[in-house]
Amino acid sequence: MIYLLHMAKSELAELLEIVNFIKDHMVTNMMTKDEGMTKADGEAIRRDVADLSHRVTRLEEGQDKILEVLEPLSKAHDRDSEVIIDHGKRITRLEQRLPA
């Protein structure tokens, strides 16, 4: 599960990098109709950015769901670890009470 969370984070980071690249490209290479950019080109870029933004949102939602699942598991692991440590201490005390 932690691997899935790591994958989600890396994919999210990759999508954010793509979105930022497109935005930077649009700003630094802004073209007017006179320079050759058509309305269709602008619409295609807007659709791509919207699609990437939608994918990022879906990944964030998926990441939140994964974290919701992992949180109770983490708490259960912590409780189980405490029980194991307590049992280990109890065994040590019992061993010390045994005759040599």
PDB file of N, CA and C in Angstrom:
ATOM      1  N   MET A   1       0.813  -1.188   0.000  1.00  0.00           N
ATOM      2  CA  MET A   1       0.000   0.000   0.000  1.00  0.00           C
ATOM      3  C   MET A   1       0.863   1.261   0.000  1.00  0.00           C
ATOM      4  N   ILE A   2       1.938   1.223   0.771  1.00  0.00           N
ATOM      5  CA  ILE A   2       2.816   2.390   0.802  1.00  0.00           C
ATOM      6  C   ILE A   2       3.439   2.597  -0.570  1.00  0.00           C
ATOM      7  N   TYR A   3       3.722   1.487  -1.274  1.00  0.00           N
ATOM      8  CA  TYR A   3       4.246   1.589  -2.635  1.00  0.00           C
ATOM      9  C   TYR A   3       3.252   2.310  -3.532  1.00  0.00           C
ATOM     10  N   LEU A   4       1.951   1.994  -3.380  1.00  0.00           N
ATOM     11  CA  LEU A   4       0.919   2.658  -4.180  1.00  0.00           C
ATOM     12  C   LEU A   4       0.891   4.147  -3.882  1.00  0.00           C
ATOM     13  N   LEU A   5       1.038   4.491  -2.610  1.00  0.00           N
ATOM     14  CA  LEU A   5       1.051   5.906  -2.234  1.00  0.00           C
ATOM     15  C   LEU A   5       2.248   6.593  -2.877  1.00  0.00           C
ATOM     16  N   HIS A   6       3.406   5.926  -2.849  1.00  0.00           N
ATOM     17  CA  HIS A   6       4.596   6.502  -3.472  1.00  0.00           C
ATOM     18  C   HIS A   6       4.390   6.680  -4.967  1.00  0.00           C
ATOM     19  N   MET A   7       3.756   5.666  -5.610  1.00  0.00           N
ATOM     20  CA  MET A   7       3.475   5.780  -7.038  1.00  0.00           C
ATOM     21  C   MET A   7       2.542   6.952  -7.302  1.00  0.00           C
ATOM     22  N   ALA A   8       1.522   7.094  -6.476  1.00  0.00           N
ATOM     23  CA  ALA A   8       0.568   8.183  -6.673  1.00  0.00           C
ATOM     24  C   ALA A   8       1.266   9.521  -6.532  1.00  0.00           C
ATOM     25  N   LYS A   9       2.148   9.642  -5.554  1.00  0.00           N
ATOM     26  CA  LYS A   9       2.866  10.900  -5.368  1.00  0.00           C
ATOM     27  C   LYS A   9       3.780  11.190  -6.545  1.00  0.00           C
ATOM     28  N   SER A  10       4.483  10.167  -7.050  1.00  0.00           N
ATOM     29  CA  SER A  10       5.390  10.410  -8.167  1.00  0.00           C
ATOM     30  C   SER A  10       4.605  10.743  -9.434  1.00  0.00           C
ATOM     31  N   GLU A  11       3.466  10.084  -9.647  1.00  0.00           N
ATOM     32  CA  GLU A  11       2.655  10.389 -10.827  1.00  0.00           C
ATOM     33  C   GLU A  11       2.057  11.789 -10.704  1.00  0.00           C
ATOM     34  N   LEU A  12       1.639  12.152  -9.505  1.00  0.00           N
ATOM     35  CA  LEU A  12       1.107  13.486  -9.263  1.00  0.00           C
ATOM     36  C   LEU A  12       2.184  14.533  -9.531  1.00  0.00           C
ATOM     37  N   ALA A  13       3.376  14.288  -9.057  1.00  0.00           N
ATOM     38  CA  ALA A  13       4.475  15.221  -9.288  1.00  0.00           C
ATOM     39  C   ALA A  13       4.766  15.356 -10.781  1.00  0.00           C
ATOM     40  N   GLU A  14       4.728  14.236 -11.484  1.00  0.00           N
ATOM     41  CA  GLU A  14       4.974  14.263 -12.932  1.00  0.00           C
ATOM     42  C   GLU A  14       3.906  15.074 -13.657  1.00  0.00           C
ATOM     43  N   LEU A  15       2.642  14.866 -13.287  1.00  0.00           N
ATOM     44  CA  LEU A  15       1.562  15.626 -13.928  1.00  0.00           C
ATOM     45  C   LEU A  15       1.672  17.114 -13.614  1.00  0.00           C
ATOM     46  N   LEU A  16       1.996  17.445 -12.373  1.00  0.00           N
ATOM     47  CA  LEU A  16       2.168  18.852 -12.017  1.00  0.00           C
ATOM     48  C   LEU A  16       3.310  19.476 -12.812  1.00  0.00           C
ATOM     49  N   GLU A  17       4.373  18.713 -13.013  1.00  0.00           N
ATOM     50  CA  GLU A  17       5.497  19.210 -13.810  1.00  0.00           C
ATOM     51  C   GLU A  17       5.064  19.480 -15.246  1.00  0.00           C
ATOM     52  N   ILE A  18       4.250  18.590 -15.812  1.00  0.00           N
ATOM     53  CA  ILE A  18       3.753  18.780 -17.180  1.00  0.00           C
ATOM     54  C   ILE A  18       2.858  20.013 -17.257  1.00  0.00           C
ATOM     55  N   VAL A  19       1.947  20.150 -16.286  1.00  0.00           N
ATOM     56  CA  VAL A  19       1.053  21.312 -16.273  1.00  0.00           C
ATOM     57  C   VAL A  19       1.865  22.594 -16.177  1.00  0.00           C
ATOM     58  N   ASN A  20       2.845  22.614 -15.297  1.00  0.00           N
ATOM     59  CA  ASN A  20       3.676  23.818 -15.151  1.00  0.00           C
ATOM     60  C   ASN A  20       4.474  24.094 -16.417  1.00  0.00           C
ATOM     61  N   PHE A  21       4.958  23.047 -17.080  1.00  0.00           N
ATOM     62  CA  PHE A  21       5.681  23.235 -18.334  1.00  0.00           C
ATOM     63  C   PHE A  21       4.782  23.878 -19.378  1.00  0.00           C
ATOM     64  N   ILE A  22       3.566  23.358 -19.499  1.00  0.00           N
ATOM     65  CA  ILE A  22       2.636  23.913 -20.488  1.00  0.00           C
ATOM     66  C   ILE A  22       2.327  25.367 -20.169  1.00  0.00           C
ATOM     67  N   LYS A  23       2.085  25.666 -18.913  1.00  0.00           N
ATOM     68  CA  LYS A  23       1.801  27.053 -18.526  1.00  0.00           C
ATOM     69  C   LYS A  23       2.987  27.957 -18.840  1.00  0.00           C
ATOM     70  N   ASP A  24       4.205  27.496 -18.471  1.00  0.00           N
ATOM     71  CA  ASP A  24       5.400  28.289 -18.768  1.00  0.00           C
ATOM     72  C   ASP A  24       5.565  28.485 -20.267  1.00  0.00           C
ATOM     73  N   HIS A  25       5.333  27.425 -21.013  1.00  0.00           N
ATOM     74  CA  HIS A  25       5.456  27.501 -22.466  1.00  0.00           C
ATOM     75  C   HIS A  25       4.456  28.503 -23.037  1.00  0.00           C
ATOM     76  N   MET A  26       3.234  28.466 -22.511  1.00  0.00           N
ATOM     77  CA  MET A  26       2.210  29.385 -23.008  1.00  0.00           C
ATOM     78  C   MET A  26       2.596  30.835 -22.713  1.00  0.00           C
ATOM     79  N   VAL A  27       3.158  31.077 -21.549  1.00  0.00           N
ATOM     80  CA  VAL A  27       3.516  32.446 -21.177  1.00  0.00           C
ATOM     81  C   VAL A  27       4.730  32.926 -21.968  1.00  0.00           C
ATOM     82  N   THR A  28       5.772  32.101 -22.037  1.00  0.00           N
ATOM     83  CA  THR A  28       7.004  32.548 -22.691  1.00  0.00           C
ATOM     84  C   THR A  28       6.913  32.558 -24.210  1.00  0.00           C
ATOM     85  N   ASN A  29       6.054  31.733 -24.732  1.00  0.00           N
ATOM     86  CA  ASN A  29       5.942  31.653 -26.187  1.00  0.00           C
ATOM     87  C   ASN A  29       4.562  32.093 -26.666  1.00  0.00           C
ATOM     88  N   MET A  30       4.003  33.064 -25.969  1.00  0.00           N
ATOM     89  CA  MET A  30       2.659  33.521 -26.330  1.00  0.00           C
ATOM     90  C   MET A  30       2.681  34.047 -27.755  1.00  0.00           C
ATOM     91  N   MET A  31       1.798  33.473 -28.541  1.00  0.00           N
ATOM     92  CA  MET A  31       1.739  33.856 -29.949  1.00  0.00           C
ATOM     93  C   MET A  31       0.376  34.466 -30.242  1.00  0.00           C
ATOM     94  N   THR A  32       0.393  35.485 -31.042  1.00  0.00           N
ATOM     95  CA  THR A  32      -0.872  36.072 -31.462  1.00  0.00           C
ATOM     96  C   THR A  32      -1.289  35.430 -32.775  1.00  0.00           C
ATOM     97  N   LYS A  33      -2.473  35.740 -33.220  1.00  0.00           N
ATOM     98  CA  LYS A  33      -2.937  35.199 -34.501  1.00  0.00           C
ATOM     99  C   LYS A  33      -1.991  35.615 -35.619  1.00  0.00           C
ATOM    100  N   ASP A  34      -1.434  36.835 -35.515  1.00  0.00           N
ATOM    101  CA  ASP A  34      -0.514  37.309 -36.546  1.00  0.00           C
ATOM    102  C   ASP A  34       0.757  36.463 -36.596  1.00  0.00           C
ATOM    103  N   GLU A  35       1.148  35.900 -35.452  1.00  0.00           N
ATOM    104  CA  GLU A  35       2.370  35.101 -35.407  1.00  0.00           C
ATOM    105  C   GLU A  35       2.097  33.642 -35.740  1.00  0.00           C
ATOM    106  N   GLY A  36       0.877  33.284 -35.982  1.00  0.00           N
ATOM    107  CA  GLY A  36       0.597  31.944 -36.442  1.00  0.00           C
ATOM    108  C   GLY A  36      -0.246  31.093 -35.523  1.00  0.00           C
ATOM    109  N   MET A  37      -0.558  31.548 -34.332  1.00  0.00           N
ATOM    110  CA  MET A  37      -1.380  30.750 -33.435  1.00  0.00           C
ATOM    111  C   MET A  37      -2.843  30.944 -33.802  1.00  0.00           C
ATOM    112  N   THR A  38      -3.488  29.859 -34.041  1.00  0.00           N
ATOM    113  CA  THR A  38      -4.900  29.945 -34.388  1.00  0.00           C
ATOM    114  C   THR A  38      -5.741  29.728 -33.140  1.00  0.00           C
ATOM    115  N   LYS A  39      -7.003  30.037 -33.280  1.00  0.00           N
ATOM    116  CA  LYS A  39      -7.925  29.824 -32.166  1.00  0.00           C
ATOM    117  C   LYS A  39      -7.976  28.338 -31.809  1.00  0.00           C
ATOM    118  N   ALA A  40      -7.886  27.469 -32.809  1.00  0.00           N
ATOM    119  CA  ALA A  40      -7.902  26.020 -32.575  1.00  0.00           C
ATOM    120  C   ALA A  40      -6.684  25.587 -31.760  1.00  0.00           C
ATOM    121  N   ASP A  41      -5.517  26.201 -32.044  1.00  0.00           N
ATOM    122  CA  ASP A  41      -4.310  25.875 -31.277  1.00  0.00           C
ATOM    123  C   ASP A  41      -4.503  26.234 -29.800  1.00  0.00           C
ATOM    124  N   GLY A  42      -5.050  27.421 -29.583  1.00  0.00           N
ATOM    125  CA  GLY A  42      -5.299  27.861 -28.206  1.00  0.00           C
ATOM    126  C   GLY A  42      -6.290  26.957 -27.495  1.00  0.00           C
ATOM    127  N   GLU A  43      -7.327  26.544 -28.205  1.00  0.00           N
ATOM    128  CA  GLU A  43      -8.326  25.644 -27.617  1.00  0.00           C
ATOM    129  C   GLU A  43      -7.708  24.287 -27.297  1.00  0.00           C
ATOM    130  N   ALA A  44      -6.845  23.804 -28.182  1.00  0.00           N
ATOM    131  CA  ALA A  44      -6.192  22.505 -27.946  1.00  0.00           C
ATOM    132  C   ALA A  44      -5.328  22.570 -26.686  1.00  0.00           C
ATOM    133  N   ILE A  45      -4.613  23.671 -26.531  1.00  0.00           N
ATOM    134  CA  ILE A  45      -3.772  23.835 -25.338  1.00  0.00           C
ATOM    135  C   ILE A  45      -4.648  23.921 -24.093  1.00  0.00           C
ATOM    136  N   ARG A  46      -5.747  24.672 -24.168  1.00  0.00           N
ATOM    137  CA  ARG A  46      -6.654  24.781 -23.025  1.00  0.00           C
ATOM    138  C   ARG A  46      -7.226  23.417 -22.639  1.00  0.00           C
ATOM    139  N   ARG A  47      -7.591  22.624 -23.651  1.00  0.00           N
ATOM    140  CA  ARG A  47      -8.124  21.277 -23.379  1.00  0.00           C
ATOM    141  C   ARG A  47      -7.068  20.394 -22.711  1.00  0.00           C
ATOM    142  N   ASP A  48      -5.821  20.482 -23.210  1.00  0.00           N
ATOM    143  CA  ASP A  48      -4.747  19.683 -22.623  1.00  0.00           C
ATOM    144  C   ASP A  48      -4.515  20.070 -21.161  1.00  0.00           C
ATOM    145  N   VAL A  49      -4.492  21.362 -20.898  1.00  0.00           N
ATOM    146  CA  VAL A  49      -4.294  21.829 -19.525  1.00  0.00           C
ATOM    147  C   VAL A  49      -5.469  21.400 -18.648  1.00  0.00           C
ATOM    148  N   ALA A  50      -6.682  21.514 -19.159  1.00  0.00           N
ATOM    149  CA  ALA A  50      -7.862  21.104 -18.397  1.00  0.00           C
ATOM    150  C   ALA A  50      -7.815  19.603 -18.111  1.00  0.00           C
ATOM    151  N   ASP A  51      -7.409  18.817 -19.120  1.00  0.00           N
ATOM    152  CA  ASP A  51      -7.310  17.371 -18.927  1.00  0.00           C
ATOM    153  C   ASP A  51      -6.268  17.037 -17.871  1.00  0.00           C
ATOM    154  N   LEU A  52      -5.113  17.681 -17.942  1.00  0.00           N
ATOM    155  CA  LEU A  52      -4.071  17.431 -16.953  1.00  0.00           C
ATOM    156  C   LEU A  52      -4.524  17.854 -15.554  1.00  0.00           C
ATOM    157  N   SER A  53      -5.208  18.975 -15.470  1.00  0.00           N
ATOM    158  CA  SER A  53      -5.713  19.429 -14.171  1.00  0.00           C
ATOM    159  C   SER A  53      -6.720  18.428 -13.608  1.00  0.00           C
ATOM    160  N   HIS A  54      -7.567  17.897 -14.486  1.00  0.00           N
ATOM    161  CA  HIS A  54      -8.549  16.890 -14.052  1.00  0.00           C
ATOM    162  C   HIS A  54      -7.837  15.633 -13.551  1.00  0.00           C
ATOM    163  N   ARG A  55      -6.805  15.211 -14.265  1.00  0.00           N
ATOM    164  CA  ARG A  55      -6.054  14.026 -13.853  1.00  0.00           C
ATOM    165  C   ARG A  55      -5.366  14.249 -12.517  1.00  0.00           C
ATOM    166  N   VAL A  56      -4.820  15.442 -12.315  1.00  0.00           N
ATOM    167  CA  VAL A  56      -4.180  15.769 -11.037  1.00  0.00           C
ATOM    168  C   VAL A  56      -5.208  15.708  -9.909  1.00  0.00           C
ATOM    169  N   THR A  57      -6.395  16.255 -10.154  1.00  0.00           N
ATOM    170  CA  THR A  57      -7.450  16.223  -9.149  1.00  0.00           C
ATOM    171  C   THR A  57      -7.828  14.788  -8.806  1.00  0.00           C
ATOM    172  N   ARG A  58      -7.953  13.940  -9.811  1.00  0.00           N
ATOM    173  CA  ARG A  58      -8.291  12.530  -9.574  1.00  0.00           C
ATOM    174  C   ARG A  58      -7.193  11.834  -8.783  1.00  0.00           C
ATOM    175  N   LEU A  59      -5.943  12.138  -9.088  1.00  0.00           N
ATOM    176  CA  LEU A  59      -4.831  11.539  -8.343  1.00  0.00           C
ATOM    177  C   LEU A  59      -4.835  12.000  -6.885  1.00  0.00           C
ATOM    178  N   GLU A  60      -5.117  13.279  -6.676  1.00  0.00           N
ATOM    179  CA  GLU A  60      -5.181  13.789  -5.301  1.00  0.00           C
ATOM    180  C   GLU A  60      -6.306  13.120  -4.524  1.00  0.00           C
ATOM    181  N   GLU A  61      -7.445  12.908  -5.172  1.00  0.00           N
ATOM    182  CA  GLU A  61      -8.561  12.227  -4.519  1.00  0.00           C
ATOM    183  C   GLU A  61      -8.180  10.786  -4.194  1.00  0.00           C
ATOM    184  N   GLY A  62      -7.517  10.117  -5.120  1.00  0.00           N
ATOM    185  CA  GLY A  62      -7.067   8.749  -4.883  1.00  0.00           C
ATOM    186  C   GLY A  62      -6.055   8.676  -3.756  1.00  0.00           C
ATOM    187  N   GLN A  63      -5.173   9.659  -3.718  1.00  0.00           N
ATOM    188  CA  GLN A  63      -4.172   9.709  -2.650  1.00  0.00           C
ATOM    189  C   GLN A  63      -4.859   9.889  -1.297  1.00  0.00           C
ATOM    190  N   ASP A  64      -5.868  10.738  -1.234  1.00  0.00           N
ATOM    191  CA  ASP A  64      -6.617  10.938   0.015  1.00  0.00           C
ATOM    192  C   ASP A  64      -7.278   9.640   0.460  1.00  0.00           C
ATOM    193  N   LYS A  65      -7.835   8.887  -0.488  1.00  0.00           N
ATOM    194  CA  LYS A  65      -8.476   7.611  -0.149  1.00  0.00           C
ATOM    195  C   LYS A  65      -7.450   6.615   0.378  1.00  0.00           C
ATOM    196  N   ILE A  66      -6.282   6.587  -0.245  1.00  0.00           N
ATOM    197  CA  ILE A  66      -5.221   5.689   0.220  1.00  0.00           C
ATOM    198  C   ILE A  66      -4.820   6.051   1.640  1.00  0.00           C
ATOM    199  N   LEU A  67      -4.669   7.343   1.905  1.00  0.00           N
ATOM    200  CA  LEU A  67      -4.296   7.774   3.250  1.00  0.00           C
ATOM    201  C   LEU A  67      -5.373   7.427   4.269  1.00  0.00           C
ATOM    202  N   GLU A  68      -6.636   7.504   3.862  1.00  0.00           N
ATOM    203  CA  GLU A  68      -7.732   7.116   4.756  1.00  0.00           C
ATOM    204  C   GLU A  68      -7.626   5.640   5.129  1.00  0.00           C
ATOM    205  N   VAL A  69      -7.205   4.807   4.188  1.00  0.00           N
ATOM    206  CA  VAL A  69      -7.055   3.378   4.455  1.00  0.00           C
ATOM    207  C   VAL A  69      -5.818   3.117   5.310  1.00  0.00           C
ATOM    208  N   LEU A  70      -4.732   3.834   5.028  1.00  0.00           N
ATOM    209  CA  LEU A  70      -3.481   3.591   5.737  1.00  0.00           C
ATOM    210  C   LEU A  70      -3.512   4.069   7.185  1.00  0.00           C
ATOM    211  N   GLU A  71      -4.257   5.117   7.460  1.00  0.00           N
ATOM    212  CA  GLU A  71      -4.265   5.675   8.820  1.00  0.00           C
ATOM    213  C   GLU A  71      -4.710   4.652   9.866  1.00  0.00           C
ATOM    214  N   PRO A  72      -5.862   3.970   9.684  1.00  0.00           N
ATOM    215  CA  PRO A  72      -6.244   2.962  10.680  1.00  0.00           C
ATOM    216  C   PRO A  72      -5.243   1.806  10.764  1.00  0.00           C
ATOM    217  N   LEU A  73      -4.667   1.431   9.610  1.00  0.00           N
ATOM    218  CA  LEU A  73      -3.677   0.359   9.622  1.00  0.00           C
ATOM    219  C   LEU A  73      -2.444   0.769  10.414  1.00  0.00           C
ATOM    220  N   SER A  74      -2.050   2.011  10.274  1.00  0.00           N
ATOM    221  CA  SER A  74      -0.898   2.520  11.008  1.00  0.00           C
ATOM    222  C   SER A  74      -1.178   2.527  12.506  1.00  0.00           C
ATOM    223  N   LYS A  75      -2.370   2.948  12.887  1.00  0.00           N
ATOM    224  CA  LYS A  75      -2.735   2.954  14.307  1.00  0.00           C
ATOM    225  C   LYS A  75      -2.766   1.534  14.859  1.00  0.00           C
ATOM    226  N   ALA A  76      -3.308   0.601  14.083  1.00  0.00           N
ATOM    227  CA  ALA A  76      -3.356  -0.801  14.517  1.00  0.00           C
ATOM    228  C   ALA A  76      -1.938  -1.352  14.661  1.00  0.00           C
ATOM    229  N   HIS A  77      -1.067  -0.992  13.731  1.00  0.00           N
ATOM    230  CA  HIS A  77       0.332  -1.435  13.805  1.00  0.00           C
ATOM    231  C   HIS A  77       0.983  -0.899  15.069  1.00  0.00           C
ATOM    232  N   ASP A  78       0.750   0.365  15.393  1.00  0.00           N
ATOM    233  CA  ASP A  78       1.326   0.958  16.601  1.00  0.00           C
ATOM    234  C   ASP A  78       0.823   0.235  17.845  1.00  0.00           C
ATOM    235  N   ARG A  79      -0.500  -0.048  17.886  1.00  0.00           N
ATOM    236  CA  ARG A  79      -1.063  -0.775  19.037  1.00  0.00           C
ATOM    237  C   ARG A  79      -0.453  -2.168  19.149  1.00  0.00           C
ATOM    238  N   ASP A  80      -0.360  -2.870  18.027  1.00  0.00           N
ATOM    239  CA  ASP A  80       0.204  -4.217  18.036  1.00  0.00           C
ATOM    240  C   ASP A  80       1.667  -4.192  18.477  1.00  0.00           C
ATOM    241  N   SER A  81       2.402  -3.185  18.039  1.00  0.00           N
ATOM    242  CA  SER A  81       3.807  -3.068  18.434  1.00  0.00           C
ATOM    243  C   SER A  81       3.932  -2.880  19.933  1.00  0.00           C
ATOM    244  N   GLU A  82       3.064  -2.055  20.502  1.00  0.00           N
ATOM    245  CA  GLU A  82       3.087  -1.835  21.953  1.00  0.00           C
ATOM    246  C   GLU A  82       2.785  -3.132  22.697  1.00  0.00           C
ATOM    247  N   VAL A  83       1.817  -3.893  22.210  1.00  0.00           N
ATOM    248  CA  VAL A  83       1.464  -5.173  22.840  1.00  0.00           C
ATOM    249  C   VAL A  83       2.649  -6.131  22.773  1.00  0.00           C
ATOM    250  N   ILE A  84       3.310  -6.182  21.629  1.00  0.00           N
ATOM    251  CA  ILE A  84       4.466  -7.074  21.476  1.00  0.00           C
ATOM    252  C   ILE A  84       5.584  -6.666  22.425  1.00  0.00           C
ATOM    253  N   ILE A  85       5.832  -5.388  22.538  1.00  0.00           N
ATOM    254  CA  ILE A  85       6.873  -4.903  23.453  1.00  0.00           C
ATOM    255  C   ILE A  85       6.508  -5.263  24.890  1.00  0.00           C
ATOM    256  N   ASP A  86       5.251  -5.067  25.262  1.00  0.00           N
ATOM    257  CA  ASP A  86       4.802  -5.414  26.615  1.00  0.00           C
ATOM    258  C   ASP A  86       4.970  -6.908  26.879  1.00  0.00           C
ATOM    259  N   HIS A  87       4.610  -7.729  25.892  1.00  0.00           N
ATOM    260  CA  HIS A  87       4.784  -9.183  26.054  1.00  0.00           C
ATOM    261  C   HIS A  87       6.262  -9.532  26.191  1.00  0.00           C
ATOM    262  N   GLY A  88       7.101  -8.878  25.438  1.00  0.00           N
ATOM    263  CA  GLY A  88       8.544  -9.117  25.533  1.00  0.00           C
ATOM    264  C   GLY A  88       9.070  -8.781  26.917  1.00  0.00           C
ATOM    265  N   LYS A  89       8.609  -7.663  27.479  1.00  0.00           N
ATOM    266  CA  LYS A  89       9.024  -7.278  28.833  1.00  0.00           C
ATOM    267  C   LYS A  89       8.535  -8.297  29.854  1.00  0.00           C
ATOM    268  N   ARG A  90       7.318  -8.763  29.667  1.00  0.00           N
ATOM    269  CA  ARG A  90       6.742  -9.748  30.596  1.00  0.00           C
ATOM    270  C   ARG A  90       7.523 -11.061  30.529  1.00  0.00           C
ATOM    271  N   ILE A  91       7.868 -11.491  29.329  1.00  0.00           N
ATOM    272  CA  ILE A  91       8.656 -12.718  29.173  1.00  0.00           C
ATOM    273  C   ILE A  91      10.006 -12.563  29.851  1.00  0.00           C
ATOM    274  N   THR A  92      10.634 -11.400  29.690  1.00  0.00           N
ATOM    275  CA  THR A  92      11.931 -11.144  30.327  1.00  0.00           C
ATOM    276  C   THR A  92      11.804 -11.245  31.837  1.00  0.00           C
ATOM    277  N   ARG A  93      10.749 -10.661  32.402  1.00  0.00           N
ATOM    278  CA  ARG A  93      10.546 -10.735  33.862  1.00  0.00           C
ATOM    279  C   ARG A  93      10.331 -12.173  34.319  1.00  0.00           C
ATOM    280  N   LEU A  94       9.548 -12.939  33.524  1.00  0.00           N
ATOM    281  CA  LEU A  94       9.310 -14.335  33.874  1.00  0.00           C
ATOM    282  C   LEU A  94      10.600 -15.150  33.804  1.00  0.00           C
ATOM    283  N   GLU A  95      11.415 -14.878  32.781  1.00  0.00           N
ATOM    284  CA  GLU A  95      12.697 -15.590  32.654  1.00  0.00           C
ATOM    285  C   GLU A  95      13.620 -15.285  33.834  1.00  0.00           C
ATOM    286  N   GLN A  96      13.579 -14.051  34.316  1.00  0.00           N
ATOM    287  CA  GLN A  96      14.423 -13.667  35.443  1.00  0.00           C
ATOM    288  C   GLN A  96      13.969 -14.373  36.722  1.00  0.00           C
ATOM    289  N   ARG A  97      12.712 -14.706  36.805  1.00  0.00           N
ATOM    290  CA  ARG A  97      12.188 -15.360  38.015  1.00  0.00           C
ATOM    291  C   ARG A  97      12.455 -16.858  38.007  1.00  0.00           C
ATOM    292  N   LEU A  98      12.802 -17.421  36.856  1.00  0.00           N
ATOM    293  CA  LEU A  98      13.067 -18.855  36.779  1.00  0.00           C
ATOM    294  C   LEU A  98      14.390 -19.180  37.486  1.00  0.00           C
ATOM    295  N   PRO A  99      14.435 -20.343  38.117  1.00  0.00           N
ATOM    296  CA  PRO A  99      15.696 -20.728  38.762  1.00  0.00           C
ATOM    297  C   PRO A  99      16.773 -20.998  37.712  1.00  0.00           C
ATOM    298  N   ALA A 100      17.966 -20.656  38.058  1.00  0.00           N
ATOM    299  CA  ALA A 100      19.105 -20.826  37.119  1.00  0.00           C
ATOM    300  C   ALA A 100      19.573 -22.231  37.016  1.00  0.00           C
TER     301      ALA A 100
END
